[in-house]
Amino acid sequence: MRIIAELPHPDFKISILSMNQKFIVKIEKGTLEQTYKIPDMDLTEGVNSVFELLDEPFLNTVSARFVEMGKDFRESYYRYNY
């Protein structure tokens, strides 16, 4: 697995990796991570197509999902510790 690109974003880190004929989009915020795997044969423009997939509506959904993930984890952690 190798990193082929990183995209700047004010709220999270976005890395695009290549492995086994797939692009892996890894989005990290703090201790949380979302990963998306895309077969490279599905994308006509290679990594440039990945950039196009990461549009504003998608990244807004990713951000909302991070909020939900954090809430879910905090609730579980609270149940574990109390």
N, C-alpha and C. Protein backbone atom coordinates (compact mmCIF):
# COMPACT_ATOMS: atom_id res chain seq x y z
N MET A 1 0.85 -1.16 0.00
CA MET A 1 0.00 0.00 0.00
C MET A 1 0.90 1.23 0.00
N ARG A 2 0.56 2.17 -0.87
CA ARG A 2 1.37 3.38 -0.91
C ARG A 2 0.48 4.61 -1.08
N ILE A 3 0.87 5.67 -0.44
CA ILE A 3 0.13 6.93 -0.55
C ILE A 3 0.48 7.56 -1.90
N ILE A 4 -0.56 7.88 -2.67
CA ILE A 4 -0.31 8.52 -3.97
C ILE A 4 -0.73 9.98 -3.99
N ALA A 5 -1.55 10.39 -2.99
CA ALA A 5 -1.96 11.79 -2.93
C ALA A 5 -2.52 12.10 -1.54
N GLU A 6 -2.42 13.35 -1.16
CA GLU A 6 -3.08 13.86 0.03
C GLU A 6 -3.79 15.14 -0.37
N LEU A 7 -5.03 15.27 0.10
CA LEU A 7 -5.82 16.45 -0.22
C LEU A 7 -5.95 17.33 1.02
N PRO A 8 -5.70 18.60 0.88
CA PRO A 8 -5.88 19.48 2.03
C PRO A 8 -7.37 19.67 2.34
N HIS A 9 -7.69 19.70 3.61
CA HIS A 9 -9.06 19.97 4.05
C HIS A 9 -8.95 20.57 5.45
N PRO A 10 -9.77 21.56 5.76
CA PRO A 10 -9.65 22.23 7.06
C PRO A 10 -10.09 21.37 8.25
N ASP A 11 -10.94 20.36 8.02
CA ASP A 11 -11.50 19.60 9.14
C ASP A 11 -10.90 18.21 9.34
N PHE A 12 -10.36 17.60 8.29
CA PHE A 12 -9.81 16.27 8.42
C PHE A 12 -8.70 16.02 7.41
N LYS A 13 -7.98 14.92 7.61
CA LYS A 13 -6.88 14.55 6.72
C LYS A 13 -7.42 13.55 5.69
N ILE A 14 -7.14 13.81 4.43
CA ILE A 14 -7.58 12.92 3.34
C ILE A 14 -6.35 12.38 2.64
N SER A 15 -6.23 11.05 2.63
CA SER A 15 -5.13 10.38 1.93
C SER A 15 -5.72 9.45 0.89
N ILE A 16 -5.08 9.39 -0.26
CA ILE A 16 -5.47 8.44 -1.30
C ILE A 16 -4.31 7.48 -1.47
N LEU A 17 -4.62 6.21 -1.32
CA LEU A 17 -3.61 5.16 -1.41
C LEU A 17 -3.94 4.25 -2.57
N SER A 18 -2.95 3.50 -3.00
CA SER A 18 -3.13 2.52 -4.06
C SER A 18 -2.67 1.16 -3.55
N MET A 19 -3.54 0.13 -3.77
CA MET A 19 -3.19 -1.22 -3.35
C MET A 19 -4.08 -2.21 -4.08
N ASN A 20 -3.48 -3.24 -4.67
CA ASN A 20 -4.21 -4.34 -5.31
C ASN A 20 -5.29 -3.87 -6.28
N GLN A 21 -4.93 -3.03 -7.19
CA GLN A 21 -5.84 -2.50 -8.21
C GLN A 21 -7.04 -1.77 -7.61
N LYS A 22 -6.82 -1.14 -6.45
CA LYS A 22 -7.87 -0.35 -5.81
C LYS A 22 -7.27 0.97 -5.34
N PHE A 23 -8.13 1.99 -5.38
CA PHE A 23 -7.81 3.24 -4.71
C PHE A 23 -8.47 3.17 -3.35
N ILE A 24 -7.75 3.55 -2.33
CA ILE A 24 -8.28 3.57 -0.98
C ILE A 24 -8.27 5.02 -0.52
N VAL A 25 -9.45 5.53 -0.20
CA VAL A 25 -9.58 6.89 0.30
C VAL A 25 -9.71 6.78 1.81
N LYS A 26 -8.72 7.34 2.51
CA LYS A 26 -8.71 7.29 3.97
C LYS A 26 -8.91 8.71 4.48
N ILE A 27 -9.96 8.89 5.28
CA ILE A 27 -10.28 10.20 5.82
C ILE A 27 -10.22 10.08 7.34
N GLU A 28 -9.40 10.92 7.95
CA GLU A 28 -9.16 10.83 9.40
C GLU A 28 -9.51 12.15 10.08
N LYS A 29 -10.11 11.99 11.25
CA LYS A 29 -10.38 13.15 12.11
C LYS A 29 -10.13 12.70 13.54
N GLY A 30 -9.07 13.20 14.13
CA GLY A 30 -8.71 12.79 15.49
C GLY A 30 -8.45 11.29 15.53
N THR A 31 -9.15 10.60 16.41
CA THR A 31 -8.96 9.15 16.56
C THR A 31 -9.89 8.35 15.66
N LEU A 32 -10.71 9.02 14.86
CA LEU A 32 -11.68 8.35 14.00
C LEU A 32 -11.20 8.30 12.56
N GLU A 33 -11.66 7.29 11.84
CA GLU A 33 -11.23 7.10 10.45
C GLU A 33 -12.37 6.50 9.64
N GLN A 34 -12.52 6.99 8.41
CA GLN A 34 -13.43 6.40 7.44
C GLN A 34 -12.59 5.99 6.23
N THR A 35 -12.89 4.80 5.70
CA THR A 35 -12.13 4.28 4.56
C THR A 35 -13.09 3.85 3.47
N TYR A 36 -12.77 4.22 2.24
CA TYR A 36 -13.56 3.85 1.08
C TYR A 36 -12.64 3.21 0.06
N LYS A 37 -13.04 2.04 -0.47
CA LYS A 37 -12.22 1.34 -1.46
C LYS A 37 -12.95 1.38 -2.80
N ILE A 38 -12.20 1.74 -3.84
CA ILE A 38 -12.77 1.88 -5.17
C ILE A 38 -11.89 1.12 -6.16
N PRO A 39 -12.44 0.12 -6.86
CA PRO A 39 -11.63 -0.57 -7.88
C PRO A 39 -11.16 0.43 -8.93
N ASP A 40 -9.87 0.39 -9.25
CA ASP A 40 -9.35 1.37 -10.21
C ASP A 40 -9.94 1.18 -11.60
N MET A 41 -10.44 -0.01 -11.91
CA MET A 41 -11.05 -0.23 -13.22
C MET A 41 -12.39 0.50 -13.36
N ASP A 42 -12.99 0.92 -12.24
CA ASP A 42 -14.25 1.66 -12.28
C ASP A 42 -14.06 3.14 -12.58
N LEU A 43 -12.82 3.59 -12.56
CA LEU A 43 -12.54 5.01 -12.74
C LEU A 43 -11.75 5.24 -14.03
N THR A 44 -12.33 6.01 -14.93
CA THR A 44 -11.71 6.20 -16.24
C THR A 44 -10.49 7.11 -16.21
N GLU A 45 -10.45 8.03 -15.26
CA GLU A 45 -9.35 9.00 -15.21
C GLU A 45 -8.37 8.73 -14.07
N GLY A 46 -8.37 7.51 -13.55
CA GLY A 46 -7.44 7.17 -12.48
C GLY A 46 -7.66 8.01 -11.23
N VAL A 47 -6.57 8.46 -10.64
CA VAL A 47 -6.66 9.21 -9.40
C VAL A 47 -7.42 10.52 -9.57
N ASN A 48 -7.42 11.09 -10.75
CA ASN A 48 -8.20 12.31 -10.99
C ASN A 48 -9.68 12.06 -10.79
N SER A 49 -10.16 10.87 -11.12
CA SER A 49 -11.56 10.52 -10.87
C SER A 49 -11.85 10.46 -9.38
N VAL A 50 -10.88 10.01 -8.60
CA VAL A 50 -11.05 9.98 -7.14
C VAL A 50 -11.24 11.41 -6.63
N PHE A 51 -10.45 12.33 -7.13
CA PHE A 51 -10.59 13.73 -6.72
C PHE A 51 -12.01 14.23 -7.01
N GLU A 52 -12.56 13.85 -8.16
CA GLU A 52 -13.91 14.27 -8.53
C GLU A 52 -14.96 13.67 -7.61
N LEU A 53 -14.73 12.44 -7.16
CA LEU A 53 -15.69 11.79 -6.24
C LEU A 53 -15.76 12.52 -4.90
N LEU A 54 -14.68 13.13 -4.50
CA LEU A 54 -14.61 13.79 -3.19
C LEU A 54 -15.14 15.22 -3.28
N ASP A 55 -16.38 15.32 -3.71
CA ASP A 55 -16.98 16.65 -3.88
C ASP A 55 -17.56 17.15 -2.55
N GLU A 56 -18.03 18.38 -2.55
CA GLU A 56 -18.51 19.02 -1.33
C GLU A 56 -19.68 18.27 -0.68
N PRO A 57 -20.69 17.83 -1.43
CA PRO A 57 -21.78 17.08 -0.77
C PRO A 57 -21.28 15.80 -0.09
N PHE A 58 -20.36 15.09 -0.73
CA PHE A 58 -19.82 13.87 -0.12
C PHE A 58 -19.05 14.21 1.15
N LEU A 59 -18.19 15.22 1.10
CA LEU A 59 -17.39 15.58 2.27
C LEU A 59 -18.26 16.12 3.40
N ASN A 60 -19.38 16.76 3.08
CA ASN A 60 -20.33 17.19 4.12
C ASN A 60 -20.92 15.98 4.83
N THR A 61 -21.23 14.94 4.06
CA THR A 61 -21.76 13.70 4.65
C THR A 61 -20.69 13.03 5.51
N VAL A 62 -19.46 13.01 5.04
CA VAL A 62 -18.35 12.45 5.82
C VAL A 62 -18.23 13.19 7.15
N SER A 63 -18.31 14.50 7.11
CA SER A 63 -18.20 15.30 8.33
C SER A 63 -19.33 14.96 9.31
N ALA A 64 -20.56 14.84 8.80
CA ALA A 64 -21.70 14.48 9.65
C ALA A 64 -21.51 13.09 10.24
N ARG A 65 -20.96 12.18 9.45
CA ARG A 65 -20.73 10.82 9.93
C ARG A 65 -19.68 10.81 11.05
N PHE A 66 -18.66 11.66 10.94
CA PHE A 66 -17.67 11.76 12.01
C PHE A 66 -18.35 12.20 13.32
N VAL A 67 -19.29 13.13 13.23
CA VAL A 67 -20.01 13.57 14.42
C VAL A 67 -20.76 12.39 15.04
N GLU A 68 -21.45 11.62 14.20
CA GLU A 68 -22.19 10.44 14.69
C GLU A 68 -21.24 9.40 15.27
N MET A 69 -20.13 9.15 14.60
CA MET A 69 -19.16 8.18 15.10
C MET A 69 -18.63 8.60 16.47
N GLY A 70 -18.31 9.86 16.62
CA GLY A 70 -17.81 10.36 17.91
C GLY A 70 -18.85 10.20 19.00
N LYS A 71 -20.10 10.51 18.68
CA LYS A 71 -21.19 10.35 19.65
C LYS A 71 -21.35 8.89 20.04
N ASP A 72 -21.36 8.00 19.06
CA ASP A 72 -21.50 6.57 19.33
C ASP A 72 -20.38 6.07 20.23
N PHE A 73 -19.15 6.50 19.94
CA PHE A 73 -18.02 6.04 20.74
C PHE A 73 -18.08 6.58 22.16
N ARG A 74 -18.41 7.88 22.30
CA ARG A 74 -18.51 8.46 23.64
C ARG A 74 -19.57 7.74 24.48
N GLU A 75 -20.71 7.42 23.87
CA GLU A 75 -21.76 6.70 24.59
C GLU A 75 -21.28 5.31 25.02
N SER A 76 -20.60 4.61 24.15
CA SER A 76 -20.08 3.29 24.48
C SER A 76 -19.02 3.39 25.57
N TYR A 77 -18.15 4.36 25.45
CA TYR A 77 -17.08 4.56 26.44
C TYR A 77 -17.69 4.87 27.80
N TYR A 78 -18.73 5.68 27.82
CA TYR A 78 -19.39 6.04 29.07
C TYR A 78 -20.01 4.78 29.71
N ARG A 79 -20.66 3.94 28.90
CA ARG A 79 -21.24 2.69 29.44
C ARG A 79 -20.16 1.78 30.00
N TYR A 80 -19.01 1.76 29.36
CA TYR A 80 -17.91 0.90 29.79
C TYR A 80 -17.33 1.37 31.13
N ASN A 81 -17.19 2.67 31.29
CA ASN A 81 -16.52 3.22 32.47
C ASN A 81 -17.44 3.51 33.65
N TYR A 82 -18.74 3.46 33.44
CA TYR A 82 -19.64 3.80 34.56
C TYR A 82 -20.70 2.79 34.78
